[in-house]
Amino acid sequence: MKAKFYIGLGMQIFGLTAVGLCFISGIRNGDYGQFELAQLVFGSFVFYAGNYLKGRASN
């Protein structure tokens, strides 16, 4: 059970980092390209999947 919690937490941190890097890249370049869009979608998916796993491990 603890492994799921820590895997979920790691996924949340990874997803949040990916979205943050996308945000910083968009500010620096002034525009979001296809890579940044894919990074945003993938990072959000990983974050929420980690949130789901972490929540299921708590029960």
N, C-alpha and C. Protein backbone atom coordinates (compact mmCIF):
# COMPACT_ATOMS: atom_id res chain seq x y z
N MET A 1 0.81 -1.20 0.00
CA MET A 1 0.00 0.00 0.00
C MET A 1 0.86 1.27 0.00
N LYS A 2 1.96 1.25 0.75
CA LYS A 2 2.79 2.44 0.80
C LYS A 2 3.46 2.72 -0.54
N ALA A 3 3.73 1.66 -1.30
CA ALA A 3 4.37 1.85 -2.60
C ALA A 3 3.46 2.64 -3.53
N LYS A 4 2.17 2.35 -3.52
CA LYS A 4 1.23 3.09 -4.36
C LYS A 4 1.19 4.56 -3.97
N PHE A 5 1.24 4.81 -2.67
CA PHE A 5 1.23 6.19 -2.19
C PHE A 5 2.43 6.97 -2.71
N TYR A 6 3.62 6.37 -2.59
CA TYR A 6 4.83 7.07 -3.02
C TYR A 6 4.94 7.16 -4.54
N ILE A 7 4.46 6.15 -5.25
CA ILE A 7 4.43 6.23 -6.71
C ILE A 7 3.48 7.34 -7.15
N GLY A 8 2.31 7.42 -6.51
CA GLY A 8 1.36 8.49 -6.80
C GLY A 8 1.94 9.86 -6.50
N LEU A 9 2.64 9.97 -5.38
CA LEU A 9 3.27 11.25 -5.01
C LEU A 9 4.34 11.63 -6.03
N GLY A 10 5.14 10.66 -6.45
CA GLY A 10 6.17 10.93 -7.45
C GLY A 10 5.55 11.35 -8.78
N MET A 11 4.44 10.72 -9.15
CA MET A 11 3.76 11.10 -10.39
C MET A 11 3.22 12.52 -10.30
N GLN A 12 2.70 12.89 -9.13
CA GLN A 12 2.19 14.25 -8.94
C GLN A 12 3.33 15.27 -9.08
N ILE A 13 4.46 14.98 -8.48
CA ILE A 13 5.59 15.90 -8.55
C ILE A 13 6.09 16.01 -9.99
N PHE A 14 6.18 14.88 -10.68
CA PHE A 14 6.62 14.88 -12.08
C PHE A 14 5.65 15.69 -12.95
N GLY A 15 4.35 15.46 -12.77
CA GLY A 15 3.35 16.18 -13.56
C GLY A 15 3.37 17.67 -13.29
N LEU A 16 3.50 18.04 -12.04
CA LEU A 16 3.56 19.46 -11.69
C LEU A 16 4.81 20.11 -12.27
N THR A 17 5.92 19.40 -12.26
CA THR A 17 7.16 19.92 -12.84
C THR A 17 7.02 20.11 -14.34
N ALA A 18 6.40 19.14 -15.01
CA ALA A 18 6.22 19.25 -16.47
C ALA A 18 5.35 20.44 -16.83
N VAL A 19 4.28 20.65 -16.08
CA VAL A 19 3.40 21.79 -16.34
C VAL A 19 4.12 23.10 -16.04
N GLY A 20 4.90 23.12 -14.98
CA GLY A 20 5.66 24.32 -14.64
C GLY A 20 6.69 24.68 -15.69
N LEU A 21 7.38 23.68 -16.22
CA LEU A 21 8.35 23.93 -17.29
C LEU A 21 7.67 24.43 -18.55
N CYS A 22 6.48 23.90 -18.83
CA CYS A 22 5.71 24.36 -19.98
C CYS A 22 5.33 25.82 -19.80
N PHE A 23 4.89 26.17 -18.60
CA PHE A 23 4.50 27.55 -18.30
C PHE A 23 5.69 28.51 -18.45
N ILE A 24 6.83 28.13 -17.91
CA ILE A 24 8.03 28.98 -17.99
C ILE A 24 8.49 29.12 -19.44
N SER A 25 8.45 28.02 -20.20
CA SER A 25 8.84 28.07 -21.61
C SER A 25 7.91 28.97 -22.41
N GLY A 26 6.63 28.93 -22.11
CA GLY A 26 5.67 29.79 -22.81
C GLY A 26 5.89 31.25 -22.50
N ILE A 27 6.24 31.56 -21.27
CA ILE A 27 6.52 32.95 -20.91
C ILE A 27 7.80 33.43 -21.59
N ARG A 28 8.81 32.58 -21.61
CA ARG A 28 10.09 32.96 -22.19
C ARG A 28 9.97 33.19 -23.70
N ASN A 29 9.25 32.30 -24.40
CA ASN A 29 9.14 32.41 -25.85
C ASN A 29 8.00 33.32 -26.28
N GLY A 30 7.05 33.54 -25.43
CA GLY A 30 5.92 34.39 -25.77
C GLY A 30 4.82 33.66 -26.50
N ASP A 31 5.01 32.37 -26.76
CA ASP A 31 3.99 31.59 -27.46
C ASP A 31 4.16 30.13 -27.08
N TYR A 32 3.08 29.39 -27.15
CA TYR A 32 3.12 27.96 -26.87
C TYR A 32 3.09 27.19 -28.17
N GLY A 33 4.06 26.31 -28.36
CA GLY A 33 4.11 25.49 -29.57
C GLY A 33 3.48 24.13 -29.31
N GLN A 34 3.63 23.24 -30.27
CA GLN A 34 3.06 21.90 -30.14
C GLN A 34 3.72 21.12 -29.00
N PHE A 35 5.01 21.29 -28.83
CA PHE A 35 5.71 20.58 -27.76
C PHE A 35 5.20 21.01 -26.40
N GLU A 36 5.02 22.31 -26.21
CA GLU A 36 4.53 22.81 -24.93
C GLU A 36 3.11 22.33 -24.67
N LEU A 37 2.29 22.29 -25.72
CA LEU A 37 0.92 21.81 -25.56
C LEU A 37 0.91 20.34 -25.16
N ALA A 38 1.74 19.54 -25.82
CA ALA A 38 1.82 18.12 -25.47
C ALA A 38 2.34 17.94 -24.05
N GLN A 39 3.31 18.76 -23.67
CA GLN A 39 3.87 18.70 -22.32
C GLN A 39 2.82 19.07 -21.29
N LEU A 40 2.00 20.05 -21.59
CA LEU A 40 0.94 20.47 -20.68
C LEU A 40 -0.10 19.36 -20.50
N VAL A 41 -0.52 18.76 -21.60
CA VAL A 41 -1.54 17.69 -21.53
C VAL A 41 -0.97 16.48 -20.82
N PHE A 42 0.24 16.06 -21.18
CA PHE A 42 0.86 14.90 -20.56
C PHE A 42 1.12 15.14 -19.07
N GLY A 43 1.62 16.32 -18.73
CA GLY A 43 1.89 16.64 -17.34
C GLY A 43 0.62 16.67 -16.50
N SER A 44 -0.44 17.20 -17.06
CA SER A 44 -1.72 17.22 -16.34
C SER A 44 -2.25 15.81 -16.14
N PHE A 45 -2.14 14.98 -17.18
CA PHE A 45 -2.60 13.60 -17.07
C PHE A 45 -1.81 12.85 -15.99
N VAL A 46 -0.50 13.00 -15.99
CA VAL A 46 0.34 12.30 -15.01
C VAL A 46 0.02 12.80 -13.61
N PHE A 47 -0.20 14.10 -13.45
CA PHE A 47 -0.53 14.66 -12.14
C PHE A 47 -1.82 14.06 -11.61
N TYR A 48 -2.87 14.04 -12.43
CA TYR A 48 -4.15 13.54 -11.96
C TYR A 48 -4.16 12.02 -11.80
N ALA A 49 -3.40 11.31 -12.61
CA ALA A 49 -3.27 9.86 -12.41
C ALA A 49 -2.55 9.58 -11.09
N GLY A 50 -1.54 10.38 -10.78
CA GLY A 50 -0.86 10.24 -9.50
C GLY A 50 -1.77 10.59 -8.33
N ASN A 51 -2.60 11.59 -8.53
CA ASN A 51 -3.56 11.96 -7.49
C ASN A 51 -4.53 10.81 -7.24
N TYR A 52 -4.98 10.16 -8.30
CA TYR A 52 -5.87 9.01 -8.17
C TYR A 52 -5.19 7.86 -7.41
N LEU A 53 -3.97 7.53 -7.81
CA LEU A 53 -3.24 6.45 -7.14
C LEU A 53 -3.00 6.77 -5.68
N LYS A 54 -2.61 7.99 -5.40
CA LYS A 54 -2.33 8.38 -4.02
C LYS A 54 -3.60 8.31 -3.18
N GLY A 55 -4.72 8.72 -3.75
CA GLY A 55 -5.98 8.64 -3.03
C GLY A 55 -6.44 7.22 -2.79
N ARG A 56 -6.22 6.34 -3.77
CA ARG A 56 -6.60 4.93 -3.60
C ARG A 56 -5.72 4.24 -2.58
N ALA A 57 -4.48 4.66 -2.43
CA ALA A 57 -3.58 4.04 -1.47
C ALA A 57 -3.94 4.43 -0.05
N SER A 58 -4.57 5.57 0.14
CA SER A 58 -4.93 6.04 1.47
C SER A 58 -6.07 5.24 2.08
N ASN A 59 -6.91 4.66 1.22
CA ASN A 59 -8.09 3.93 1.72
C ASN A 59 -7.73 2.58 2.23
